[in-house]
């Protein structure tokens, strides 16, 4: 059979989309596509531009994390689109956080104070007296284990944060991000809050200097802090062996929204 100029061979499709022939044949076996023409029962396969576009859609959806079963439901109009949107929004937020962390990890400039709005999130909170960094590290890990065993984790937020008040620095709250529907003892909702923020690179013992920068900025710009200081850990002992490479977001909540 002479190939129609409007048809693509399986090799042309594979080259155009950057996939293997085996992947295209697997999509056929899974029922996602069919060849538009064949030479005999096992001969060459040919595809129209519409099928190529469909294959492209399949690859994009796979790249977004959908399983082939999800892709089939999507193509058959049997997919829960609001659920898909929520899933993709969570993935987008998670990706943005990792990009933010990588950007800060590569940043060699002095820390820059920024005015932000902290995200609304549900947390599992335990408060202890912990004067040393070693004690705080131990208690944070213990609280993380408790919270995750009871409620699981919320991948759309940083895994955990530590909060203390400037007037009671040894009284420390250890907070773990948990799913928003969680209910129970030690569970609370952190509202979205105007705040000052900077990223600190270095050992945890040097974090007070970062907090001082935020308080100085607030005073110079006529802003009123609530008194709490939050430390959100981006990269620490699980990812870095050298404390000089730890990355921590230091956040100073404000009583009123900043005025531009």
Protein backbone atom coordinates (compact mmCIF):
# COMPACT_ATOMS: atom_id res chain seq x y z
CA UNK A 1 0.00 0.00 0.00
CA UNK A 2 1.36 3.38 -0.94
CA UNK A 3 1.34 5.77 2.01
CA UNK A 4 -1.00 8.76 1.65
CA UNK A 5 0.85 12.07 1.88
CA UNK A 6 -1.61 13.08 4.62
CA UNK A 7 -0.63 10.12 6.81
CA UNK A 8 2.33 9.78 9.14
CA UNK A 9 4.25 6.53 9.54
CA UNK A 10 4.83 5.29 13.07
CA UNK A 11 8.48 6.29 12.69
CA UNK A 12 7.52 9.84 11.71
CA UNK A 13 5.15 10.11 14.66
CA UNK A 14 7.80 8.80 17.05
CA UNK A 15 10.38 11.29 15.75
CA UNK A 16 7.94 14.21 15.79
CA UNK A 17 6.82 13.63 19.39
CA UNK A 18 10.10 12.35 20.80
CA UNK A 19 8.63 8.99 21.85
CA UNK A 20 9.53 5.40 21.04
CA UNK A 21 7.63 3.14 18.69
CA UNK A 22 7.09 0.83 21.65
CA UNK A 23 5.30 3.64 23.55
CA UNK A 24 2.97 4.28 20.59
CA UNK A 25 2.15 0.59 20.32
CA UNK A 26 1.50 0.47 24.07
CA UNK A 27 -0.96 3.37 23.76
CA UNK A 28 -2.73 1.31 21.11
CA UNK A 29 -2.86 -1.74 23.38
CA UNK A 30 -4.21 0.43 26.18
CA UNK A 31 -7.00 1.65 23.91
CA UNK A 32 -5.95 5.29 23.78
CA UNK A 33 -5.37 5.44 20.01
CA UNK A 34 -5.84 3.34 16.90
CA UNK A 35 -3.85 3.41 13.65
CA UNK A 36 -5.77 5.18 10.91
CA UNK A 37 -4.39 2.79 8.27
CA UNK A 38 -2.40 -0.44 8.25
CA UNK A 39 -0.71 -2.65 5.70
CA UNK A 40 -2.18 -6.06 6.50
CA UNK A 41 -2.67 -7.32 10.04
CA UNK A 42 0.92 -6.77 11.14
CA UNK A 43 2.15 -4.31 8.54
CA UNK A 44 3.16 -0.70 8.72
CA UNK A 45 0.94 1.65 10.72
CA UNK A 46 -0.10 5.13 9.61
CA UNK A 47 -1.70 7.98 11.52
CA UNK A 48 -3.54 11.18 10.66
CA UNK A 49 -2.65 14.59 12.02
CA UNK A 50 -5.64 14.27 14.40
CA UNK A 51 -4.18 11.12 15.93
CA UNK A 52 -0.80 12.80 16.23
CA UNK A 53 -2.46 15.68 18.10
CA UNK A 54 -4.18 13.15 20.36
CA UNK A 55 -0.84 11.48 21.07
CA UNK A 56 0.64 14.86 21.89
CA UNK A 57 -2.20 15.46 24.37
CA UNK A 58 -1.53 12.06 25.95
CA UNK A 59 2.14 12.92 26.43
CA UNK A 60 1.32 16.30 27.96
CA UNK A 61 -1.16 14.78 30.41
CA UNK A 62 1.36 12.11 31.37
CA UNK A 63 3.91 14.84 31.97
CA UNK A 64 1.44 16.48 34.35
CA UNK A 65 1.35 13.30 36.42
CA UNK A 66 -1.84 11.64 35.13
CA UNK A 67 -1.88 7.86 34.85
CA UNK A 68 -2.90 6.26 31.55
CA UNK A 69 -6.23 5.32 33.15
CA UNK A 70 -6.75 9.00 34.02
CA UNK A 71 -5.78 9.97 30.48
CA UNK A 72 -8.31 7.52 29.04
CA UNK A 73 -11.05 8.93 31.27
CA UNK A 74 -10.08 12.44 30.17
CA UNK A 75 -10.27 11.53 26.48
CA UNK A 76 -13.62 9.76 27.05
CA UNK A 77 -15.06 12.83 28.86
CA UNK A 78 -15.38 10.72 32.00
CA UNK A 79 -12.83 12.65 34.05
CA UNK A 80 -13.64 14.86 37.03
CA UNK A 81 -12.30 18.14 35.67
CA UNK A 82 -12.59 20.15 38.92
CA UNK A 83 -10.58 17.41 40.65
CA UNK A 84 -8.00 17.53 37.88
CA UNK A 85 -7.72 21.30 38.20
CA UNK A 86 -7.19 21.03 41.96
CA UNK A 87 -4.53 18.37 41.46
CA UNK A 88 -2.69 20.44 38.87
CA UNK A 89 -2.88 23.53 41.06
CA UNK A 90 -1.30 21.57 43.91
CA UNK A 91 1.44 20.35 41.59
CA UNK A 92 2.00 23.90 40.35
CA UNK A 93 2.32 25.21 43.90
CA UNK A 94 4.68 22.41 44.87
CA UNK A 95 6.83 23.02 41.79
CA UNK A 96 6.92 26.76 42.51
CA UNK A 97 8.16 26.04 46.04
CA UNK A 98 10.95 23.84 44.77
CA UNK A 99 11.93 26.44 42.18
CA UNK A 100 11.96 29.05 44.94
CA UNK A 101 14.18 26.81 47.07
CA UNK A 102 16.59 26.14 44.22
CA UNK A 103 16.75 29.83 43.38
CA UNK A 104 17.56 30.70 46.97
CA UNK A 105 20.09 27.89 47.20
CA UNK A 106 21.99 29.36 44.25
CA UNK A 107 21.68 32.94 45.47
CA UNK A 108 24.96 34.52 46.56
CA UNK A 109 23.55 38.02 47.15
CA UNK A 110 22.94 39.44 50.66
CA UNK A 111 19.50 38.54 52.04
CA UNK A 112 16.68 40.75 50.74
CA UNK A 113 13.68 41.61 52.91
CA UNK A 114 10.37 41.17 51.11
CA UNK A 115 6.77 41.93 52.06
CA UNK A 116 4.62 38.82 51.61
CA UNK A 117 1.29 37.25 52.51
CA UNK A 118 1.83 33.96 54.29
CA UNK A 119 -0.34 31.07 53.02
CA UNK A 120 -3.43 29.86 54.83
CA UNK A 121 -2.71 26.35 56.08
CA UNK A 122 -3.68 23.69 58.60
CA UNK A 123 -1.00 22.66 61.08
CA UNK A 124 -0.36 20.25 63.92
CA UNK A 125 1.20 22.36 66.71
CA UNK A 126 3.09 21.33 69.85
CA UNK A 127 4.72 23.90 72.16
CA UNK A 128 7.71 23.20 74.41
CA UNK A 129 10.46 24.99 76.29
CA UNK A 130 13.57 24.42 74.22
CA UNK A 131 16.53 26.78 74.73
CA UNK A 132 19.09 25.00 72.53
CA UNK A 133 19.22 24.23 68.82
CA UNK A 134 19.86 20.55 69.57
CA UNK A 135 16.72 20.33 71.72
CA UNK A 136 14.64 22.14 69.09
CA UNK A 137 15.83 19.82 66.34
CA UNK A 138 14.89 16.77 68.42
CA UNK A 139 11.46 18.15 69.34
CA UNK A 140 10.73 19.22 65.76
CA UNK A 141 11.41 15.72 64.50
CA UNK A 142 9.28 14.20 67.26
CA UNK A 143 6.39 16.55 66.47
CA UNK A 144 6.69 15.77 62.75
CA UNK A 145 6.44 12.04 63.45
CA UNK A 146 3.38 12.56 65.69
CA UNK A 147 1.57 14.81 63.23
CA UNK A 148 2.22 12.64 60.20
CA UNK A 149 1.15 9.45 62.00
CA UNK A 150 -2.08 11.06 63.15
CA UNK A 151 -3.04 13.06 60.05
CA UNK A 152 -0.58 12.55 57.20
CA UNK A 153 1.13 15.45 55.44
CA UNK A 154 0.09 18.30 53.16
CA UNK A 155 2.38 18.38 50.13
CA UNK A 156 1.11 21.82 49.10
CA UNK A 157 2.98 23.51 51.98
CA UNK A 158 6.43 23.36 53.52
CA UNK A 159 6.65 20.29 55.73
CA UNK A 160 7.21 22.12 59.00
CA UNK A 161 7.98 25.41 60.67
CA UNK A 162 9.01 26.66 64.08
CA UNK A 163 7.48 29.69 65.77
CA UNK A 164 8.55 31.62 68.87
CA UNK A 165 7.77 35.00 70.45
CA UNK A 166 10.46 37.65 70.76
CA UNK A 167 9.63 38.08 74.48
CA UNK A 168 9.61 34.32 75.18
CA UNK A 169 12.36 32.95 72.93
CA UNK A 170 12.73 29.65 74.81
CA UNK A 171 9.02 28.80 74.40
CA UNK A 172 8.87 27.28 70.95
CA UNK A 173 5.97 25.99 68.84
CA UNK A 174 6.75 23.17 66.42
CA UNK A 175 4.27 23.05 63.55
CA UNK A 176 3.75 20.38 60.91
CA UNK A 177 1.77 20.87 57.67
CA UNK A 178 -1.19 18.46 57.62
CA UNK A 179 -4.16 18.04 55.24
CA UNK A 180 -6.68 20.92 55.42
CA UNK A 181 -9.58 18.65 56.41
CA UNK A 182 -7.77 17.45 59.56
CA UNK A 183 -9.55 17.83 62.90
CA UNK A 184 -8.42 16.95 66.40
CA UNK A 185 -6.23 17.88 69.33
CA UNK A 186 -3.31 20.21 68.53
CA UNK A 187 -4.79 20.98 65.07
CA UNK A 188 -5.27 24.61 64.09
CA UNK A 189 -5.63 26.83 61.06
CA UNK A 190 -2.94 29.40 60.38
CA UNK A 191 -4.65 32.29 58.56
CA UNK A 192 -3.07 34.15 55.69
CA UNK A 193 -1.05 36.93 57.31
CA UNK A 194 0.92 39.95 56.03
CA UNK A 195 4.57 39.51 56.92
CA UNK A 196 8.18 40.35 56.22
CA UNK A 197 10.39 37.58 54.90
CA UNK A 198 13.98 36.80 53.99
CA UNK A 199 15.98 33.68 53.17
CA UNK A 200 18.87 32.81 55.44
CA UNK A 201 21.82 30.68 54.35
CA UNK A 202 23.81 29.14 57.17
CA UNK A 203 23.70 27.26 60.45
CA UNK A 204 20.62 27.46 62.66
CA UNK A 205 22.64 29.14 65.40
CA UNK A 206 22.91 32.24 63.19
CA UNK A 207 19.14 32.60 62.62
CA UNK A 208 18.68 35.28 65.35
CA UNK A 209 20.70 37.68 63.18
CA UNK A 210 18.23 37.16 60.33
CA UNK A 211 15.30 37.85 62.65
CA UNK A 212 17.01 41.05 63.80
CA UNK A 213 17.23 42.22 60.17
CA UNK A 214 13.46 41.81 59.86
CA UNK A 215 12.72 43.68 63.10
CA UNK A 216 15.07 46.49 62.04
CA UNK A 217 13.32 46.71 58.64
CA UNK A 218 9.90 46.84 60.32
CA UNK A 219 11.00 49.65 62.63
CA UNK A 220 12.55 51.65 59.78
CA UNK A 221 9.38 51.36 57.67
CA UNK A 222 6.82 52.00 60.41
CA UNK A 223 5.49 48.42 60.47
CA UNK A 224 4.22 46.68 63.61
CA UNK A 225 5.24 43.05 64.10
CA UNK A 226 3.03 40.69 66.11
CA UNK A 227 6.13 39.58 68.01
CA UNK A 228 6.24 36.04 66.62
CA UNK A 229 9.08 34.85 64.42
CA UNK A 230 8.61 31.87 62.12
CA UNK A 231 11.40 29.76 60.70
CA UNK A 232 10.46 27.63 57.70
CA UNK A 233 13.04 25.01 56.84
CA UNK A 234 13.73 24.60 53.11
CA UNK A 235 16.95 22.60 53.24
CA UNK A 236 18.65 21.29 56.36
CA UNK A 237 20.16 18.06 57.72
CA UNK A 238 18.03 15.74 55.51
CA UNK A 239 19.42 17.39 52.36
CA UNK A 240 22.71 19.08 53.41
CA UNK A 241 25.61 17.78 55.50
CA UNK A 242 27.28 21.20 55.81
CA UNK A 243 25.32 23.65 58.05
CA UNK A 244 26.71 26.52 55.97
CA UNK A 245 24.45 25.31 53.16
CA UNK A 246 21.23 25.17 55.20
CA UNK A 247 18.45 27.38 53.76
CA UNK A 248 15.73 28.77 56.04
CA UNK A 249 12.95 31.23 55.33
CA UNK A 250 12.57 33.60 58.28
CA UNK A 251 9.14 35.23 58.53
CA UNK A 252 7.98 38.12 60.72
CA UNK A 253 4.14 38.36 60.83
CA UNK A 254 2.73 41.90 60.94
CA UNK A 255 -0.31 43.31 62.72
CA UNK A 256 -1.42 45.31 59.69
CA UNK A 257 -0.95 44.92 55.97
CA UNK A 258 2.13 46.79 54.73
CA UNK A 259 1.44 50.09 53.00
CA UNK A 260 3.17 50.51 49.64
